[in-house]
C-alpha cells in the first residue's frame, strides 16, 4: 500500500467462509485504508461488501 495516488483503491477477496472475519474491520477503517472486501461465493460469483 505504497501508492499515494488519490484514486488508488485496494481489495481483498475472501471465500464466503471468511467473510465474517474480513468484515470485523470497521467500515471506517476500510474506508481510510481504501480497501474493498469482495466475497467469492461457492458458485464462483463475486460480491462487493
PDB file of N, CA and C in Angstrom:
ATOM      1  N   UNK A   1       0.826  -1.174   0.000  1.00  0.00           N
ATOM      2  CA  UNK A   1       0.000   0.000   0.000  1.00  0.00           C
ATOM      3  C   UNK A   1       0.877   1.246   0.000  1.00  0.00           C
ATOM      4  N   UNK A   2       1.644   1.351  -1.044  1.00  0.00           N
ATOM      5  CA  UNK A   2       2.562   2.485  -1.106  1.00  0.00           C
ATOM      6  C   UNK A   2       2.120   3.536  -2.112  1.00  0.00           C
ATOM      7  N   UNK A   3       1.059   3.284  -2.857  1.00  0.00           N
ATOM      8  CA  UNK A   3       0.599   4.235  -3.868  1.00  0.00           C
ATOM      9  C   UNK A   3      -0.203   5.345  -3.200  1.00  0.00           C
ATOM     10  N   UNK A   4       0.283   6.559  -3.305  1.00  0.00           N
ATOM     11  CA  UNK A   4      -0.383   7.707  -2.685  1.00  0.00           C
ATOM     12  C   UNK A   4      -1.347   8.393  -3.642  1.00  0.00           C
ATOM     13  N   UNK A   5      -1.547   7.835  -4.837  1.00  0.00           N
ATOM     14  CA  UNK A   5      -2.460   8.438  -5.799  1.00  0.00           C
ATOM     15  C   UNK A   5      -3.859   8.496  -5.189  1.00  0.00           C
ATOM     16  N   UNK A   6      -4.524   9.635  -5.288  1.00  0.00           N
ATOM     17  CA  UNK A   6      -5.834   9.795  -4.640  1.00  0.00           C
ATOM     18  C   UNK A   6      -6.886   8.806  -5.132  1.00  0.00           C
ATOM     19  N   UNK A   7      -6.755   8.310  -6.343  1.00  0.00           N
ATOM     20  CA  UNK A   7      -7.747   7.376  -6.878  1.00  0.00           C
ATOM     21  C   UNK A   7      -7.420   5.917  -6.638  1.00  0.00           C
ATOM     22  N   UNK A   8      -6.287   5.634  -6.001  1.00  0.00           N
ATOM     23  CA  UNK A   8      -5.883   4.240  -5.794  1.00  0.00           C
ATOM     24  C   UNK A   8      -6.818   3.562  -4.801  1.00  0.00           C
ATOM     25  N   UNK A   9      -7.192   2.319  -5.107  1.00  0.00           N
ATOM     26  CA  UNK A   9      -8.028   1.507  -4.218  1.00  0.00           C
ATOM     27  C   UNK A   9      -7.346   0.152  -4.067  1.00  0.00           C
ATOM     28  N   UNK A  10      -7.664  -0.519  -2.996  1.00  0.00           N
ATOM     29  CA  UNK A  10      -7.122  -1.846  -2.734  1.00  0.00           C
ATOM     30  C   UNK A  10      -8.292  -2.779  -2.485  1.00  0.00           C
ATOM     31  N   UNK A  11      -8.049  -4.065  -2.631  1.00  0.00           N
ATOM     32  CA  UNK A  11      -9.129  -5.031  -2.457  1.00  0.00           C
ATOM     33  C   UNK A  11      -8.605  -6.292  -1.807  1.00  0.00           C
ATOM     34  N   UNK A  12      -9.511  -6.967  -1.143  1.00  0.00           N
ATOM     35  CA  UNK A  12      -9.228  -8.296  -0.619  1.00  0.00           C
ATOM     36  C   UNK A  12     -10.397  -9.183  -1.029  1.00  0.00           C
ATOM     37  N   UNK A  13     -10.084 -10.335  -1.588  1.00  0.00           N
ATOM     38  CA  UNK A  13     -11.100 -11.300  -1.995  1.00  0.00           C
ATOM     39  C   UNK A  13     -11.037 -12.479  -1.030  1.00  0.00           C
ATOM     40  N   UNK A  14     -12.158 -12.778  -0.408  1.00  0.00           N
ATOM     41  CA  UNK A  14     -12.199 -13.852   0.578  1.00  0.00           C
ATOM     42  C   UNK A  14     -13.335 -14.815   0.252  1.00  0.00           C
ATOM     43  N   UNK A  15     -13.173 -16.093   0.600  1.00  0.00           N
ATOM     44  CA  UNK A  15     -14.288 -17.025   0.423  1.00  0.00           C
ATOM     45  C   UNK A  15     -15.404 -16.691   1.408  1.00  0.00           C
ATOM     46  N   UNK A  16     -16.603 -17.151   1.110  1.00  0.00           N
ATOM     47  CA  UNK A  16     -17.753 -16.889   1.977  1.00  0.00           C
ATOM     48  C   UNK A  16     -17.478 -17.275   3.423  1.00  0.00           C
ATOM     49  N   UNK A  17     -16.724 -18.332   3.616  1.00  0.00           N
ATOM     50  CA  UNK A  17     -16.441 -18.811   4.974  1.00  0.00           C
ATOM     51  C   UNK A  17     -15.589 -17.834   5.782  1.00  0.00           C
ATOM     52  N   UNK A  18     -14.876 -16.933   5.128  1.00  0.00           N
ATOM     53  CA  UNK A  18     -14.014 -15.967   5.813  1.00  0.00           C
ATOM     54  C   UNK A  18     -14.593 -14.555   5.816  1.00  0.00           C
ATOM     55  N   UNK A  19     -15.757 -14.368   5.225  1.00  0.00           N
ATOM     56  CA  UNK A  19     -16.322 -13.026   5.098  1.00  0.00           C
ATOM     57  C   UNK A  19     -16.562 -12.370   6.452  1.00  0.00           C
ATOM     58  N   UNK A  20     -17.115 -13.108   7.386  1.00  0.00           N
ATOM     59  CA  UNK A  20     -17.410 -12.530   8.705  1.00  0.00           C
ATOM     60  C   UNK A  20     -16.137 -11.975   9.344  1.00  0.00           C
ATOM     61  N   UNK A  21     -15.043 -12.699   9.244  1.00  0.00           N
ATOM     62  CA  UNK A  21     -13.777 -12.241   9.816  1.00  0.00           C
ATOM     63  C   UNK A  21     -13.264 -10.996   9.089  1.00  0.00           C
ATOM     64  N   UNK A  22     -13.385 -10.974   7.766  1.00  0.00           N
ATOM     65  CA  UNK A  22     -12.908  -9.816   6.998  1.00  0.00           C
ATOM     66  C   UNK A  22     -13.714  -8.569   7.337  1.00  0.00           C
ATOM     67  N   UNK A  23     -14.999  -8.739   7.595  1.00  0.00           N
ATOM     68  CA  UNK A  23     -15.854  -7.592   7.894  1.00  0.00           C
ATOM     69  C   UNK A  23     -15.770  -7.140   9.347  1.00  0.00           C
ATOM     70  N   UNK A  24     -14.961  -7.808  10.155  1.00  0.00           N
ATOM     71  CA  UNK A  24     -14.742  -7.340  11.534  1.00  0.00           C
ATOM     72  C   UNK A  24     -13.972  -6.028  11.546  1.00  0.00           C
ATOM     73  N   UNK A  25     -13.236  -5.776  10.482  1.00  0.00           N
ATOM     74  CA  UNK A  25     -12.554  -4.483  10.373  1.00  0.00           C
ATOM     75  C   UNK A  25     -13.648  -3.444  10.128  1.00  0.00           C
ATOM     76  N   UNK A  26     -13.759  -2.443  10.976  1.00  0.00           N
ATOM     77  CA  UNK A  26     -14.828  -1.459  10.819  1.00  0.00           C
ATOM     78  C   UNK A  26     -14.789  -0.767   9.451  1.00  0.00           C
ATOM     79  N   UNK A  27     -15.971  -0.452   8.953  1.00  0.00           N
ATOM     80  CA  UNK A  27     -16.083   0.206   7.651  1.00  0.00           C
ATOM     81  C   UNK A  27     -15.247   1.483   7.594  1.00  0.00           C
ATOM     82  N   UNK A  28     -15.240   2.235   8.662  1.00  0.00           N
ATOM     83  CA  UNK A  28     -14.466   3.486   8.696  1.00  0.00           C
ATOM     84  C   UNK A  28     -12.979   3.223   8.444  1.00  0.00           C
ATOM     85  N   UNK A  29     -12.454   2.174   9.028  1.00  0.00           N
ATOM     86  CA  UNK A  29     -11.035   1.825   8.834  1.00  0.00           C
ATOM     87  C   UNK A  29     -10.803   1.370   7.398  1.00  0.00           C
ATOM     88  N   UNK A  30     -11.698   0.535   6.875  1.00  0.00           N
ATOM     89  CA  UNK A  30     -11.562   0.109   5.482  1.00  0.00           C
ATOM     90  C   UNK A  30     -11.609   1.297   4.538  1.00  0.00           C
ATOM     91  N   UNK A  31     -12.459   2.283   4.844  1.00  0.00           N
ATOM     92  CA  UNK A  31     -12.525   3.489   4.012  1.00  0.00           C
ATOM     93  C   UNK A  31     -11.217   4.266   4.079  1.00  0.00           C
ATOM     94  N   UNK A  32     -10.669   4.417   5.272  1.00  0.00           N
ATOM     95  CA  UNK A  32      -9.404   5.145   5.427  1.00  0.00           C
ATOM     96  C   UNK A  32      -8.259   4.456   4.676  1.00  0.00           C
ATOM     97  N   UNK A  33      -8.268   3.132   4.694  1.00  0.00           N
ATOM     98  CA  UNK A  33      -7.236   2.362   4.000  1.00  0.00           C
ATOM     99  C   UNK A  33      -7.549   2.154   2.523  1.00  0.00           C
ATOM    100  N   UNK A  34      -8.743   2.587   2.125  1.00  0.00           N
ATOM    101  CA  UNK A  34      -9.214   2.437   0.743  1.00  0.00           C
ATOM    102  C   UNK A  34      -9.242   0.970   0.316  1.00  0.00           C
ATOM    103  N   UNK A  35      -9.798   0.135   1.185  1.00  0.00           N
ATOM    104  CA  UNK A  35      -9.886  -1.303   0.940  1.00  0.00           C
ATOM    105  C   UNK A  35     -11.344  -1.707   0.746  1.00  0.00           C
ATOM    106  N   UNK A  36     -11.600  -2.458  -0.288  1.00  0.00           N
ATOM    107  CA  UNK A  36     -12.914  -3.043  -0.528  1.00  0.00           C
ATOM    108  C   UNK A  36     -12.811  -4.548  -0.321  1.00  0.00           C
ATOM    109  N   UNK A  37     -13.776  -5.106   0.390  1.00  0.00           N
ATOM    110  CA  UNK A  37     -13.823  -6.553   0.624  1.00  0.00           C
ATOM    111  C   UNK A  37     -14.741  -7.176  -0.425  1.00  0.00           C
ATOM    112  N   UNK A  38     -14.245  -8.217  -1.079  1.00  0.00           N
ATOM    113  CA  UNK A  38     -15.033  -8.969  -2.050  1.00  0.00           C
ATOM    114  C   UNK A  38     -15.216 -10.391  -1.539  1.00  0.00           C
ATOM    115  N   UNK A  39     -16.438 -10.854  -1.603  1.00  0.00           N
ATOM    116  CA  UNK A  39     -16.760 -12.234  -1.214  1.00  0.00           C
ATOM    117  C   UNK A  39     -16.790 -13.087  -2.475  1.00  0.00           C
ATOM    118  N   UNK A  40     -16.052 -14.193  -2.460  1.00  0.00           N
ATOM    119  CA  UNK A  40     -16.091 -15.165  -3.549  1.00  0.00           C
ATOM    120  C   UNK A  40     -16.958 -16.320  -3.071  1.00  0.00           C
ATOM    121  N   UNK A  41     -18.102 -16.476  -3.704  1.00  0.00           N
ATOM    122  CA  UNK A  41     -19.076 -17.487  -3.287  1.00  0.00           C
ATOM    123  C   UNK A  41     -18.731 -18.853  -3.857  1.00  0.00           C
ATOM    124  N   UNK A  42     -19.408 -19.866  -3.332  1.00  0.00           N
ATOM    125  CA  UNK A  42     -19.143 -21.242  -3.762  1.00  0.00           C
ATOM    126  C   UNK A  42     -19.406 -21.458  -5.257  1.00  0.00           C
ATOM    127  N   UNK A  43     -20.324 -20.674  -5.827  1.00  0.00           N
ATOM    128  CA  UNK A  43     -20.595 -20.801  -7.267  1.00  0.00           C
ATOM    129  C   UNK A  43     -19.663 -19.919  -8.094  1.00  0.00           C
ATOM    130  N   UNK A  44     -18.621 -19.381  -7.449  1.00  0.00           N
ATOM    131  CA  UNK A  44     -17.573 -18.558  -8.049  1.00  0.00           C
ATOM    132  C   UNK A  44     -18.050 -17.165  -8.474  1.00  0.00           C
ATOM    133  N   UNK A  45     -19.228 -16.743  -8.034  1.00  0.00           N
ATOM    134  CA  UNK A  45     -19.633 -15.365  -8.250  1.00  0.00           C
ATOM    135  C   UNK A  45     -18.960 -14.507  -7.197  1.00  0.00           C
ATOM    136  N   UNK A  46     -18.826 -13.231  -7.481  1.00  0.00           N
ATOM    137  CA  UNK A  46     -18.127 -12.310  -6.577  1.00  0.00           C
ATOM    138  C   UNK A  46     -19.059 -11.157  -6.235  1.00  0.00           C
ATOM    139  N   UNK A  47     -19.071 -10.789  -4.950  1.00  0.00           N
ATOM    140  CA  UNK A  47     -19.921  -9.690  -4.486  1.00  0.00           C
ATOM    141  C   UNK A  47     -19.080  -8.743  -3.630  1.00  0.00           C
ATOM    142  N   UNK A  48     -19.190  -7.453  -3.918  1.00  0.00           N
ATOM    143  CA  UNK A  48     -18.501  -6.439  -3.109  1.00  0.00           C
ATOM    144  C   UNK A  48     -19.286  -6.183  -1.839  1.00  0.00           C
ATOM    145  N   UNK A  49     -18.560  -5.948  -0.740  1.00  0.00           N
ATOM    146  CA  UNK A  49     -19.204  -5.638   0.553  1.00  0.00           C
ATOM    147  C   UNK A  49     -18.698  -4.328   1.082  1.00  0.00           C
TER     148      UNK A  49
END
